C-alpha atoms as a PDB file:
ATOM      1  CA  MET A   1      -0.136  -0.089  -0.142  1.00  0.00           C
ATOM      2  CA  SER A   2       1.685   3.475  -0.478  1.00  0.00           C
ATOM      3  CA  THR A   3       2.834   5.188   1.932  1.00  0.00           C
ATOM      4  CA  SER A   4       2.660   9.292   1.129  1.00  0.00           C
ATOM      5  CA  LEU A   5       0.034  11.135   3.013  1.00  0.00           C
ATOM      6  CA  SER A   6      -1.969  12.321  -0.692  1.00  0.00           C
ATOM      7  CA  GLU A   7      -1.609   8.415  -1.820  1.00  0.00           C
ATOM      8  CA  ILE A   8      -3.285   7.375   1.446  1.00  0.00           C
ATOM      9  CA  LEU A   9      -5.990   9.801   1.799  1.00  0.00           C
ATOM     10  CA  THR A  10      -7.387   8.857  -1.899  1.00  0.00           C
ATOM     11  CA  GLY A  11      -7.168   5.498  -0.714  1.00  0.00           C
ATOM     12  CA  VAL A  12      -9.151   6.685   2.565  1.00  0.00           C
ATOM     13  CA  SER A  13     -11.793   8.423  -0.095  1.00  0.00           C
ATOM     14  CA  SER A  14     -11.920   4.984  -2.351  1.00  0.00           C
ATOM     15  CA  LEU A  15     -12.924   3.103   0.968  1.00  0.00           C
ATOM     16  CA  ARG A  16     -15.769   5.394   1.796  1.00  0.00           C
ATOM     17  CA  GLU A  17     -17.161   5.024  -1.861  1.00  0.00           C
ATOM     18  CA  GLN A  18     -16.260   1.395  -1.866  1.00  0.00           C
ATOM     19  CA  PHE A  19     -18.586   1.051   1.558  1.00  0.00           C
ATOM     20  CA  GLU A  20     -21.416   3.414  -0.177  1.00  0.00           C
ATOM     21  CA  SER A  21     -21.816   1.081  -2.365  1.00  0.00           C
ATOM     22  CA  GLN A  22     -21.830  -2.485  -0.643  1.00  0.00           C
ATOM     23  CA  THR A  23     -24.337  -1.266   1.917  1.00  0.00           C
ATOM     24  CA  LYS A  24     -26.681  -0.265  -0.905  1.00  0.00           C
ATOM     25  CA  ASP A  25     -28.540  -3.364  -1.226  1.00  0.00           C
ATOM     26  CA  VAL A  26     -27.839  -5.029   2.017  1.00  0.00           C
ATOM     27  CA  SER A  27     -31.192  -7.206   2.916  1.00  0.00           C
ATOM     28  CA  SER A  28     -30.104  -9.234   5.953  1.00  0.00           C
ATOM     29  CA  SER A  29     -28.773  -9.090   9.661  1.00  0.00           C
ATOM     30  CA  GLU A  30     -25.369 -11.003   9.002  1.00  0.00           C
ATOM     31  CA  ARG A  31     -24.661  -9.020   5.927  1.00  0.00           C
ATOM     32  CA  LEU A  32     -24.259  -6.064   8.019  1.00  0.00           C
ATOM     33  CA  GLU A  33     -22.035  -7.956  10.663  1.00  0.00           C
ATOM     34  CA  GLU A  34     -19.819  -8.623   7.480  1.00  0.00           C
ATOM     35  CA  LEU A  35     -20.014  -5.449   7.053  1.00  0.00           C
ATOM     36  CA  ARG A  36     -18.830  -4.006  10.276  1.00  0.00           C
ATOM     37  CA  ILE A  37     -16.098  -6.359  10.861  1.00  0.00           C
ATOM     38  CA  LYS A  38     -14.553  -5.840   7.735  1.00  0.00           C
ATOM     39  CA  TYR A  39     -14.818  -1.969   8.001  1.00  0.00           C
ATOM     40  CA  LEU A  40     -14.955  -1.775  11.669  1.00  0.00           C
ATOM     41  CA  GLY A  41     -12.847  -4.887  13.017  1.00  0.00           C
ATOM     42  CA  ARG A  42      -9.248  -5.236  14.426  1.00  0.00           C
ATOM     43  CA  LYS A  43      -8.265  -6.200  11.248  1.00  0.00           C
ATOM     44  CA  GLY A  44     -10.088  -4.428   9.498  1.00  0.00           C
ATOM     45  CA  ASP A  45      -9.581  -2.060   6.707  1.00  0.00           C
ATOM     46  CA  ILE A  46      -9.890   0.809   8.520  1.00  0.00           C
ATOM     47  CA  ALA A  47      -7.638  -0.552  10.845  1.00  0.00           C
ATOM     48  CA  ASN A  48      -5.415  -0.436   7.749  1.00  0.00           C
ATOM     49  CA  PHE A  49      -4.817   2.241   7.455  1.00  0.00           C
ATOM     50  CA  PHE A  50      -4.235   3.241  11.039  1.00  0.00           C
ATOM     51  CA  ASN A  51      -1.689   1.086  10.889  1.00  0.00           C
ATOM     52  CA  LEU A  52       0.127   3.393   8.192  1.00  0.00           C
ATOM     53  CA  MET A  53       0.776   6.512  11.146  1.00  0.00           C
ATOM     54  CA  GLY A  54       4.371   5.030  11.934  1.00  0.00           C
ATOM     55  CA  ASN A  55       5.046   5.544   7.969  1.00  0.00           C
ATOM     56  CA  LEU A  56       4.274   9.219   8.145  1.00  0.00           C
ATOM     57  CA  SER A  57       5.796  13.002   9.459  1.00  0.00           C
ATOM     58  CA  ALA A  58       4.287  14.075  13.009  1.00  0.00           C
ATOM     59  CA  GLU A  59       3.089  17.108  11.008  1.00  0.00           C
ATOM     60  CA  GLU A  60       0.941  14.815   8.476  1.00  0.00           C
ATOM     61  CA  ARG A  61      -0.752  12.401  10.738  1.00  0.00           C
ATOM     62  CA  PRO A  62      -2.968  14.945  12.693  1.00  0.00           C
ATOM     63  CA  ARG A  63      -4.320  14.803   8.804  1.00  0.00           C
ATOM     64  CA  LEU A  64      -4.740  11.481   8.489  1.00  0.00           C
ATOM     65  CA  GLY A  65      -5.995  11.144  11.951  1.00  0.00           C
ATOM     66  CA  GLU A  66      -9.080  13.001  11.530  1.00  0.00           C
ATOM     67  CA  ALA A  67      -9.945  11.543   7.640  1.00  0.00           C
ATOM     68  CA  LEU A  68     -10.018   8.071   9.409  1.00  0.00           C
ATOM     69  CA  ASN A  69     -11.748   9.304  12.200  1.00  0.00           C
ATOM     70  CA  LEU A  70     -14.512  10.817  10.104  1.00  0.00           C
ATOM     71  CA  LEU A  71     -14.970   7.701   8.255  1.00  0.00           C
ATOM     72  CA  LYS A  72     -14.964   5.560  10.713  1.00  0.00           C
ATOM     73  CA  ASN A  73     -17.746   7.577  12.691  1.00  0.00           C
ATOM     74  CA  HIS A  74     -19.515   7.253   9.081  1.00  0.00           C
ATOM     75  CA  VAL A  75     -19.279   3.946   8.711  1.00  0.00           C
ATOM     76  CA  GLN A  76     -20.965   3.330  12.193  1.00  0.00           C
ATOM     77  CA  THR A  77     -23.931   5.795  12.202  1.00  0.00           C
ATOM     78  CA  SER A  78     -24.817   4.565   8.551  1.00  0.00           C
ATOM     79  CA  LEU A  79     -24.687   0.464   9.722  1.00  0.00           C
ATOM     80  CA  ASP A  80     -26.590   1.916  12.914  1.00  0.00           C
ATOM     81  CA  GLU A  81     -29.402   3.519  10.763  1.00  0.00           C
ATOM     82  CA  LEU A  82     -29.529   0.133   8.727  1.00  0.00           C
ATOM     83  CA  THR A  83     -30.368  -2.057  11.675  1.00  0.00           C
ATOM     84  CA  ARG A  84     -33.301   0.052  12.803  1.00  0.00           C
ATOM     85  CA  SER A  85     -34.319   0.496   9.791  1.00  0.00           C
ATOM     86  CA  MET A  86     -34.154  -3.841   9.337  1.00  0.00           C
ATOM     87  CA  ALA A  87     -35.673  -4.119  12.121  1.00  0.00           C
ATOM     88  CA  ALA A  88     -38.735  -1.727  12.051  1.00  0.00           C
ATOM     89  CA  LYS A  89     -39.144  -3.874   8.542  1.00  0.00           C
ATOM     90  CA  LYS A  90     -39.385  -7.100  10.393  1.00  0.00           C
ATOM     91  CA  THR A  91     -41.724  -5.349  12.963  1.00  0.00           C
ATOM     92  CA  ASP A  92     -44.144  -4.202   9.951  1.00  0.00           C
ATOM     93  CA  ASP A  93     -43.517  -8.498   8.981  1.00  0.00           C
ATOM     94  CA  GLY A  94     -45.149  -9.280  12.206  1.00  0.00           C
ATOM     95  CA  TYR A  95     -41.599  -9.539  13.989  1.00  0.00           C
ATOM     96  CA  ILE A  96     -40.776  -7.835  17.213  1.00  0.00           C
ATOM     97  CA  ASP A  97     -38.537  -5.430  17.093  1.00  0.00           C
ATOM     98  CA  LEU A  98     -35.944  -6.243  20.310  1.00  0.00           C
ATOM     99  CA  THR A  99     -34.474  -2.076  20.356  1.00  0.00           C
ATOM    100  CA  LEU A 100     -37.894  -0.533  21.528  1.00  0.00           C
ATOM    101  CA  PRO A 101     -38.574  -0.608  24.564  1.00  0.00           C
ATOM    102  CA  GLY A 102     -40.257  -2.858  26.497  1.00  0.00           C
ATOM    103  CA  THR A 103     -44.583  -3.018  27.341  1.00  0.00           C
ATOM    104  CA  TYR A 104     -43.865  -4.618  31.232  1.00  0.00           C
ATOM    105  CA  GLN A 105     -43.748  -1.585  33.184  1.00  0.00           C
ATOM    106  CA  GLN A 106     -41.023  -2.978  36.003  1.00  0.00           C
ATOM    107  CA  GLU A 107     -41.203  -2.111  39.699  1.00  0.00           C
ATOM    108  CA  VAL A 108     -39.463   0.998  40.771  1.00  0.00           C
ATOM    109  CA  GLY A 109     -37.073  -0.028  43.527  1.00  0.00           C
ATOM    110  CA  TYR A 110     -36.978   1.755  46.976  1.00  0.00           C
ATOM    111  CA  THR A 111     -34.537   4.073  48.985  1.00  0.00           C
ATOM    112  CA  ASN A 112     -33.354   3.106  52.395  1.00  0.00           C
ATOM    113  CA  PRO A 113     -34.781   4.713  55.236  1.00  0.00           C
ATOM    114  CA  LEU A 114     -31.596   5.506  56.651  1.00  0.00           C
ATOM    115  CA  LEU A 115     -30.225   7.397  53.188  1.00  0.00           C
ATOM    116  CA  GLN A 116     -33.225   9.054  53.281  1.00  0.00           C
ATOM    117  CA  ILE A 117     -32.993  10.534  56.411  1.00  0.00           C
ATOM    118  CA  MET A 118     -29.408  11.421  55.694  1.00  0.00           C
ATOM    119  CA  GLU A 119     -30.436  13.567  52.236  1.00  0.00           C
ATOM    120  CA  GLU A 120     -32.687  15.053  54.259  1.00  0.00           C
ATOM    121  CA  VAL A 121     -30.324  16.137  57.428  1.00  0.00           C
ATOM    122  CA  LYS A 122     -28.083  17.177  54.859  1.00  0.00           C
ATOM    123  CA  GLU A 123     -30.994  19.159  52.929  1.00  0.00           C
ATOM    124  CA  ILE A 124     -31.622  20.970  56.072  1.00  0.00           C
ATOM    125  CA  PHE A 125     -27.944  22.006  56.962  1.00  0.00           C
ATOM    126  CA  THR A 126     -27.281  23.100  53.855  1.00  0.00           C
ATOM    127  CA  GLY A 127     -29.965  25.715  53.615  1.00  0.00           C
ATOM    128  CA  MET A 128     -28.930  26.779  57.367  1.00  0.00           C
ATOM    129  CA  GLY A 129     -25.675  27.751  55.480  1.00  0.00           C
ATOM    130  CA  PHE A 130     -23.519  24.569  56.494  1.00  0.00           C
ATOM    131  CA  THR A 131     -21.299  22.498  53.714  1.00  0.00           C
ATOM    132  CA  VAL A 132     -20.895  19.043  53.515  1.00  0.00           C
ATOM    133  CA  GLU A 133     -17.363  17.295  53.898  1.00  0.00           C
ATOM    134  CA  THR A 134     -16.388  14.182  53.556  1.00  0.00           C
ATOM    135  CA  GLY A 135     -13.270  11.938  54.249  1.00  0.00           C
ATOM    136  CA  PRO A 136     -12.143   8.434  54.836  1.00  0.00           C
ATOM    137  CA  GLU A 137     -13.524   5.645  56.226  1.00  0.00           C
ATOM    138  CA  VAL A 138     -10.043   3.832  56.938  1.00  0.00           C
ATOM    139  CA  GLU A 139      -8.214   6.569  59.184  1.00  0.00           C
ATOM    140  CA  SER A 140      -5.129   6.764  61.039  1.00  0.00           C
ATOM    141  CA  GLU A 141      -5.135   6.351  64.744  1.00  0.00           C
ATOM    142  CA  TYR A 142      -3.868  10.547  64.927  1.00  0.00           C
ATOM    143  CA  TYR A 143      -6.692  11.734  62.978  1.00  0.00           C
ATOM    144  CA  ASN A 144      -9.475   9.383  64.638  1.00  0.00           C
ATOM    145  CA  PHE A 145      -7.941  10.146  68.667  1.00  0.00           C
ATOM    146  CA  GLU A 146      -4.951  12.136  69.055  1.00  0.00           C
ATOM    147  CA  ALA A 147      -5.944  15.296  67.505  1.00  0.00           C
ATOM    148  CA  LEU A 148      -9.343  14.860  68.990  1.00  0.00           C
ATOM    149  CA  ASN A 149      -7.389  15.002  72.466  1.00  0.00           C
ATOM    150  CA  VAL A 150      -8.181  11.667  72.747  1.00  0.00           C
ATOM    151  CA  PRO A 151      -5.115  10.000  75.427  1.00  0.00           C
ATOM    152  CA  ALA A 152      -3.591   6.442  74.560  1.00  0.00           C
ATOM    153  CA  ASP A 153      -5.052   5.506  77.884  1.00  0.00           C
ATOM    154  CA  HIS A 154      -8.528   6.364  77.044  1.00  0.00           C
ATOM    155  CA  PRO A 155     -11.068   3.828  77.171  1.00  0.00           C
ATOM    156  CA  ALA A 156     -11.831   4.360  73.561  1.00  0.00           C
ATOM    157  CA  ARG A 157      -8.929   3.344  72.087  1.00  0.00           C
ATOM    158  CA  ASP A 158     -10.011   0.588  73.414  1.00  0.00           C
ATOM    159  CA  LEU A 159      -9.572  -2.562  71.261  1.00  0.00           C
ATOM    160  CA  GLN A 160     -13.156  -3.816  72.283  1.00  0.00           C
ATOM    161  CA  ASP A 161     -14.499  -1.198  70.757  1.00  0.00           C
ATOM    162  CA  THR A 162     -12.311  -0.167  67.949  1.00  0.00           C
ATOM    163  CA  PHE A 163     -11.748  -2.203  64.395  1.00  0.00           C
ATOM    164  CA  TYR A 164      -7.844  -2.097  64.583  1.00  0.00           C
ATOM    165  CA  LEU A 165      -5.520  -2.924  61.157  1.00  0.00           C
ATOM    166  CA  SER A 166      -2.341  -3.020  60.420  1.00  0.00           C
ATOM    167  CA  ASN A 167       0.055  -0.119  60.390  1.00  0.00           C
ATOM    168  CA  GLY A 168      -1.487   2.065  62.983  1.00  0.00           C
ATOM    169  CA  LEU A 169      -4.806   2.470  60.677  1.00  0.00           C
ATOM    170  CA  LEU A 170      -7.945   1.743  61.870  1.00  0.00           C
ATOM    171  CA  LEU A 171     -12.194   1.755  61.080  1.00  0.00           C
ATOM    172  CA  ARG A 172     -13.076   5.186  62.062  1.00  0.00           C
ATOM    173  CA  THR A 173     -15.475   4.916  65.192  1.00  0.00           C
ATOM    174  CA  HIS A 174     -17.213   8.428  64.529  1.00  0.00           C
ATOM    175  CA  THR A 175     -16.703  10.672  61.664  1.00  0.00           C
ATOM    176  CA  SER A 176     -15.002  13.623  63.840  1.00  0.00           C
ATOM    177  CA  PRO A 177     -12.048  12.884  61.786  1.00  0.00           C
ATOM    178  CA  VAL A 178     -13.185  14.940  59.032  1.00  0.00           C
ATOM    179  CA  GLN A 179     -13.241  18.024  61.284  1.00  0.00           C
ATOM    180  CA  VAL A 180      -9.789  17.995  62.360  1.00  0.00           C
ATOM    181  CA  ARG A 181      -8.995  17.326  58.070  1.00  0.00           C
ATOM    182  CA  THR A 182     -11.038  20.083  57.807  1.00  0.00           C
ATOM    183  CA  MET A 183      -9.743  22.315  59.892  1.00  0.00           C
ATOM    184  CA  GLU A 184      -5.894  21.298  58.840  1.00  0.00           C
ATOM    185  CA  LYS A 185      -6.932  22.393  55.297  1.00  0.00           C
ATOM    186  CA  ARG A 186      -9.091  25.752  55.709  1.00  0.00           C
ATOM    187  CA  GLN A 187      -9.319  28.847  58.196  1.00  0.00           C
ATOM    188  CA  PRO A 188     -12.198  30.059  60.177  1.00  0.00           C
ATOM    189  CA  PRO A 189     -14.976  30.651  60.043  1.00  0.00           C
ATOM    190  CA  ILE A 190     -15.694  27.117  59.610  1.00  0.00           C
ATOM    191  CA  ARG A 191     -19.549  25.331  59.424  1.00  0.00           C
ATOM    192  CA  ILE A 192     -19.558  22.074  58.115  1.00  0.00           C
ATOM    193  CA  ILE A 193     -21.316  18.969  58.262  1.00  0.00           C
ATOM    194  CA  ALA A 194     -19.738  15.659  58.288  1.00  0.00           C
ATOM    195  CA  PRO A 195     -22.084  12.232  57.034  1.00  0.00           C
ATOM    196  CA  GLY A 196     -20.791   8.955  57.072  1.00  0.00           C
ATOM    197  CA  ARG A 197     -20.282   5.553  58.172  1.00  0.00           C
ATOM    198  CA  CYS A 198     -18.777   4.748  60.999  1.00  0.00           C
ATOM    199  CA  PHE A 199     -17.494   1.076  62.854  1.00  0.00           C
ATOM    200  CA  ARG A 200     -17.338  -0.260  66.565  1.00  0.00           C
ATOM    201  CA  LYS A 201     -17.257  -3.522  68.128  1.00  0.00           C
ATOM    202  CA  ASP A 202     -20.647  -3.667  69.095  1.00  0.00           C
ATOM    203  CA  THR A 203     -23.124  -6.958  69.473  1.00  0.00           C
ATOM    204  CA  PRO A 204     -25.896  -6.267  66.987  1.00  0.00           C
ATOM    205  CA  ASP A 205     -29.396  -6.318  68.921  1.00  0.00           C
ATOM    206  CA  ALA A 206     -32.591  -3.921  68.359  1.00  0.00           C
ATOM    207  CA  THR A 207     -30.538  -0.441  68.910  1.00  0.00           C
ATOM    208  CA  HIS A 208     -26.844  -1.081  68.379  1.00  0.00           C
ATOM    209  CA  SER A 209     -25.056  -2.413  65.223  1.00  0.00           C
ATOM    210  CA  PRO A 210     -21.080  -2.857  64.304  1.00  0.00           C
ATOM    211  CA  ILE A 211     -22.035  -0.679  60.998  1.00  0.00           C
ATOM    212  CA  PHE A 212     -23.699   2.517  61.582  1.00  0.00           C
ATOM    213  CA  HIS A 213     -24.043   6.267  60.252  1.00  0.00           C
ATOM    214  CA  GLN A 214     -23.706   9.723  62.160  1.00  0.00           C
ATOM    215  CA  VAL A 215     -23.892  13.509  60.895  1.00  0.00           C
ATOM    216  CA  GLU A 216     -21.705  15.195  63.135  1.00  0.00           C
ATOM    217  CA  GLY A 217     -21.097  19.208  62.776  1.00  0.00           C
ATOM    218  CA  LEU A 218     -18.723  21.907  63.816  1.00  0.00           C
ATOM    219  CA  VAL A 219     -18.616  26.133  63.842  1.00  0.00           C
ATOM    220  CA  VAL A 220     -15.226  27.987  64.891  1.00  0.00           C
ATOM    221  CA  ASP A 221     -15.691  31.468  64.389  1.00  0.00           C
ATOM    222  CA  LYS A 222     -14.938  34.910  66.429  1.00  0.00           C
ATOM    223  CA  GLY A 223     -17.812  35.128  69.476  1.00  0.00           C
ATOM    224  CA  ILE A 224     -19.188  31.471  69.169  1.00  0.00           C
ATOM    225  CA  SER A 225     -21.222  30.673  72.078  1.00  0.00           C
ATOM    226  CA  PHE A 226     -23.268  27.357  73.690  1.00  0.00           C
ATOM    227  CA  ALA A 227     -26.352  29.428  72.678  1.00  0.00           C
ATOM    228  CA  HIS A 228     -25.451  28.857  69.016  1.00  0.00           C
ATOM    229  CA  MET A 229     -24.972  25.336  69.709  1.00  0.00           C
ATOM    230  CA  LYS A 230     -28.656  25.075  71.268  1.00  0.00           C
ATOM    231  CA  GLY A 231     -30.121  27.379  68.678  1.00  0.00           C
ATOM    232  CA  THR A 232     -28.556  25.256  65.941  1.00  0.00           C
ATOM    233  CA  LEU A 233     -29.937  22.123  66.818  1.00  0.00           C
ATOM    234  CA  LEU A 234     -33.292  23.580  67.865  1.00  0.00           C
ATOM    235  CA  ALA A 235     -33.684  24.673  64.835  1.00  0.00           C
ATOM    236  CA  PHE A 236     -32.433  21.836  63.247  1.00  0.00           C
ATOM    237  CA  GLY A 237     -35.120  19.251  65.048  1.00  0.00           C
ATOM    238  CA  ARG A 238     -37.804  21.416  64.977  1.00  0.00           C
ATOM    239  CA  LYS A 239     -37.055  21.170  60.795  1.00  0.00           C
ATOM    240  CA  LEU A 240     -37.322  17.759  61.070  1.00  0.00           C
ATOM    241  CA  LEU A 241     -39.638  16.345  63.106  1.00  0.00           C
ATOM    242  CA  GLY A 242     -41.997  19.457  63.815  1.00  0.00           C
ATOM    243  CA  ASP A 243     -42.555  22.559  65.476  1.00  0.00           C
ATOM    244  CA  LYS A 244     -43.359  21.834  69.022  1.00  0.00           C
ATOM    245  CA  LEU A 245     -39.936  19.606  69.663  1.00  0.00           C
ATOM    246  CA  ARG A 246     -38.215  21.044  72.694  1.00  0.00           C
ATOM    247  CA  VAL A 247     -34.157  19.908  72.926  1.00  0.00           C
ATOM    248  CA  ARG A 248     -32.535  19.916  76.468  1.00  0.00           C
ATOM    249  CA  PHE A 249     -28.852  19.776  77.380  1.00  0.00           C
ATOM    250  CA  HIS A 250     -27.293  17.857  80.802  1.00  0.00           C
ATOM    251  CA  PRO A 251     -23.370  17.894  81.524  1.00  0.00           C
ATOM    252  CA  SER A 252     -21.299  15.484  80.359  1.00  0.00           C
ATOM    253  CA  PHE A 253     -17.776  14.654  79.227  1.00  0.00           C
ATOM    254  CA  TYR A 254     -16.081  14.309  75.931  1.00  0.00           C
ATOM    255  CA  PRO A 255     -12.242  14.688  75.558  1.00  0.00           C
ATOM    256  CA  PHE A 256     -12.371  16.643  72.262  1.00  0.00           C
ATOM    257  CA  THR A 257     -15.343  19.459  73.938  1.00  0.00           C
ATOM    258  CA  GLU A 258     -15.111  21.193  77.330  1.00  0.00           C
ATOM    259  CA  PRO A 259     -18.003  21.783  78.411  1.00  0.00           C
ATOM    260  CA  SER A 260     -19.338  19.112  76.981  1.00  0.00           C
ATOM    261  CA  ALA A 261     -23.169  18.162  76.993  1.00  0.00           C
ATOM    262  CA  ASP A 262     -25.362  14.994  75.901  1.00  0.00           C
ATOM    263  CA  TYR A 263     -28.435  16.881  74.158  1.00  0.00           C
ATOM    264  CA  ASP A 264     -31.653  14.990  74.390  1.00  0.00           C
ATOM    265  CA  PHE A 265     -35.303  15.729  71.586  1.00  0.00           C
ATOM    266  CA  SER A 266     -38.806  15.081  73.427  1.00  0.00           C
ATOM    267  CA  CYS A 267     -40.193  12.260  72.034  1.00  0.00           C
ATOM    268  CA  VAL A 268     -42.219  13.042  69.196  1.00  0.00           C
ATOM    269  CA  PHE A 269     -44.543   9.918  69.704  1.00  0.00           C
ATOM    270  CA  CYS A 270     -45.929  11.163  72.722  1.00  0.00           C
ATOM    271  CA  ASP A 271     -45.004  14.639  72.560  1.00  0.00           C
ATOM    272  CA  GLY A 272     -43.219  14.735  75.478  1.00  0.00           C
ATOM    273  CA  LYS A 273     -45.796  13.029  77.842  1.00  0.00           C
ATOM    274  CA  GLY A 274     -43.591   9.777  78.638  1.00  0.00           C
ATOM    275  CA  CYS A 275     -44.399   6.628  76.307  1.00  0.00           C
ATOM    276  CA  ARG A 276     -42.926   2.787  76.208  1.00  0.00           C
ATOM    277  CA  ILE A 277     -40.594   4.370  73.672  1.00  0.00           C
ATOM    278  CA  CYS A 278     -39.399   6.947  75.791  1.00  0.00           C
ATOM    279  CA  LYS A 279     -39.579   4.739  78.924  1.00  0.00           C
ATOM    280  CA  ASN A 280     -42.203   7.710  80.013  1.00  0.00           C
ATOM    281  CA  SER A 281     -39.307  10.362  80.686  1.00  0.00           C
ATOM    282  CA  GLY A 282     -40.863  12.209  77.161  1.00  0.00           C
ATOM    283  CA  TRP A 283     -37.772  12.649  76.234  1.00  0.00           C
ATOM    284  CA  ILE A 284     -34.854  10.577  73.178  1.00  0.00           C
ATOM    285  CA  GLU A 285     -31.543  10.910  74.135  1.00  0.00           C
ATOM    286  CA  ILE A 286     -29.596  11.649  70.528  1.00  0.00           C
ATOM    287  CA  SER A 287     -26.095  12.140  71.374  1.00  0.00           C
ATOM    288  CA  GLY A 288     -23.231  14.594  72.250  1.00  0.00           C
ATOM    289  CA  CYS A 289     -21.746  17.955  72.249  1.00  0.00           C
ATOM    290  CA  GLY A 290     -19.830  21.174  73.267  1.00  0.00           C
ATOM    291  CA  MET A 291     -17.768  24.232  72.779  1.00  0.00           C
ATOM    292  CA  VAL A 292     -14.209  22.527  70.993  1.00  0.00           C
ATOM    293  CA  ASP A 293     -11.442  21.808  73.459  1.00  0.00           C
ATOM    294  CA  PRO A 294      -8.867  24.799  72.985  1.00  0.00           C
ATOM    295  CA  ALA A 295      -6.468  21.772  72.901  1.00  0.00           C
ATOM    296  CA  VAL A 296      -8.069  20.496  69.269  1.00  0.00           C
ATOM    297  CA  PHE A 297      -7.301  23.754  68.205  1.00  0.00           C
ATOM    298  CA  GLY A 298      -3.716  23.384  69.101  1.00  0.00           C
ATOM    299  CA  TYR A 299      -3.272  20.520  66.540  1.00  0.00           C
ATOM    300  CA  VAL A 300      -4.315  22.539  63.701  1.00  0.00           C
ATOM    301  CA  ASN A 301      -3.089  25.871  64.713  1.00  0.00           C
ATOM    302  CA  TYR A 302      -5.818  27.781  65.341  1.00  0.00           C
ATOM    303  CA  ASP A 303      -5.736  30.790  68.575  1.00  0.00           C
ATOM    304  CA  TYR A 304      -8.071  29.751  71.004  1.00  0.00           C
ATOM    305  CA  GLU A 305      -7.772  33.030  72.295  1.00  0.00           C
ATOM    306  CA  ILE A 306      -9.171  34.262  68.779  1.00  0.00           C
ATOM    307  CA  TYR A 307     -11.645  32.020  68.036  1.00  0.00           C
ATOM    308  CA  THR A 308     -14.212  29.414  69.633  1.00  0.00           C
ATOM    309  CA  GLY A 309     -15.798  26.700  67.950  1.00  0.00           C
ATOM    310  CA  PHE A 310     -19.280  24.078  68.720  1.00  0.00           C
ATOM    311  CA  ALA A 311     -19.509  20.399  67.359  1.00  0.00           C
ATOM    312  CA  TRP A 312     -22.197  17.795  68.128  1.00  0.00           C
ATOM    313  CA  GLY A 313     -22.889  14.564  66.341  1.00  0.00           C
ATOM    314  CA  MET A 314     -26.655  12.833  65.782  1.00  0.00           C
ATOM    315  CA  GLY A 315     -26.574   8.988  65.093  1.00  0.00           C
ATOM    316  CA  VAL A 316     -28.927   8.568  61.558  1.00  0.00           C
ATOM    317  CA  GLU A 317     -29.871   5.170  63.179  1.00  0.00           C
ATOM    318  CA  ARG A 318     -31.471   7.197  65.998  1.00  0.00           C
ATOM    319  CA  ILE A 319     -33.294   9.503  64.124  1.00  0.00           C
ATOM    320  CA  ALA A 320     -34.684   6.683  61.683  1.00  0.00           C
ATOM    321  CA  MET A 321     -36.082   5.266  63.920  1.00  0.00           C
ATOM    322  CA  MET A 322     -37.843   7.964  66.041  1.00  0.00           C
ATOM    323  CA  LYS A 323     -39.123   9.512  62.792  1.00  0.00           C
ATOM    324  CA  TYR A 324     -40.644   6.092  61.067  1.00  0.00           C
ATOM    325  CA  GLN A 325     -41.353   4.505  64.392  1.00  0.00           C
ATOM    326  CA  VAL A 326     -38.788   1.507  64.022  1.00  0.00           C
ATOM    327  CA  ASP A 327     -38.364  -0.515  66.973  1.00  0.00           C
ATOM    328  CA  ASP A 328     -35.298  -2.403  65.686  1.00  0.00           C
ATOM    329  CA  ILE A 329     -32.220  -0.613  64.229  1.00  0.00           C
ATOM    330  CA  ARG A 330     -31.515  -4.429  62.352  1.00  0.00           C
ATOM    331  CA  HIS A 331     -34.236  -3.624  60.121  1.00  0.00           C
ATOM    332  CA  PHE A 332     -32.417  -0.901  58.355  1.00  0.00           C
ATOM    333  CA  TYR A 333     -29.421  -4.297  57.239  1.00  0.00           C
ATOM    334  CA  GLU A 334     -31.649  -6.743  56.185  1.00  0.00           C
ATOM    335  CA  ASN A 335     -33.199  -5.706  52.678  1.00  0.00           C
ATOM    336  CA  ASP A 336     -35.841  -7.312  53.502  1.00  0.00           C
ATOM    337  CA  MET A 337     -38.246  -5.384  50.327  1.00  0.00           C
ATOM    338  CA  ARG A 338     -42.084  -5.772  52.687  1.00  0.00           C
ATOM    339  CA  PHE A 339     -39.722  -3.380  55.161  1.00  0.00           C
ATOM    340  CA  LEU A 340     -38.493  -0.912  52.287  1.00  0.00           C
ATOM    341  CA  MET A 341     -41.854  -0.531  50.606  1.00  0.00           C
ATOM    342  CA  GLN A 342     -43.068   1.377  53.481  1.00  0.00           C
ATOM    343  CA  PHE A 343     -41.071   4.169  52.643  1.00  0.00           C
END
């Protein structure tokens, strides 16, 4: 075969004319397949022209490449149109057109309620000006513990609670490491939530699972106080569970916040009057919160004399159980269609 560019381009033009001639009277799908292999196969006519690229200069190759790609696209489009027209003709003759959508209406799938709640939580907080941040599920001890002011002898680092891997890695026990990673990259003001999966060595039962979902939040700026946190959680809770919701706080301890608190939502099942679900207390415990400990700011080089912040967490499963009145956390993970169809 000639190797000068002008002669090769003449050959490409002739190949196109040959293709046009051979597709005029195609009457069977077998013949269409023969033409597809002849022109578009790995060892077909167009591929042979591509093999001549090495004989051309760097300036000439783009011209040949453009011509061959145009021819290749033309051949593919023409063969597709012939396939559709032949299928339509078979339909007119009483055959089934396999390219048409079926008449059977497939059943629509169902979204797991945990994902529904996760999306609703993200929508509420982004509407309040928060951004969504994510991080790795396989974490280092530094981000999961040390940078959050959790000392080596703290019970949370016990082997009975954490899934440890090799090389100092572990499956994260909360999404708080995302807060540290974000503060390392950005300067205040910061207003983020960190949703995601977490892992702990819990024995599965009606209220515990070794795999669970959390949404943690962080706000850092000048003049941030505990009152800001209370207002944020109250606004979120009422948006998610209704305007009558109340929030209460009681003292607690967490290494990464000081002061720390646990917070409860008023029971949505009995409006705080007391029932079996809230154990007649009128309240359902949600999670922990508090003002960011200045020691944590030290790990990310924030000046704690200028900035303050608050952080909180919440279990997505617990929120979903409240909103949908689910009494066993295992229902979320069993993929029982009878359960999922309710949502």
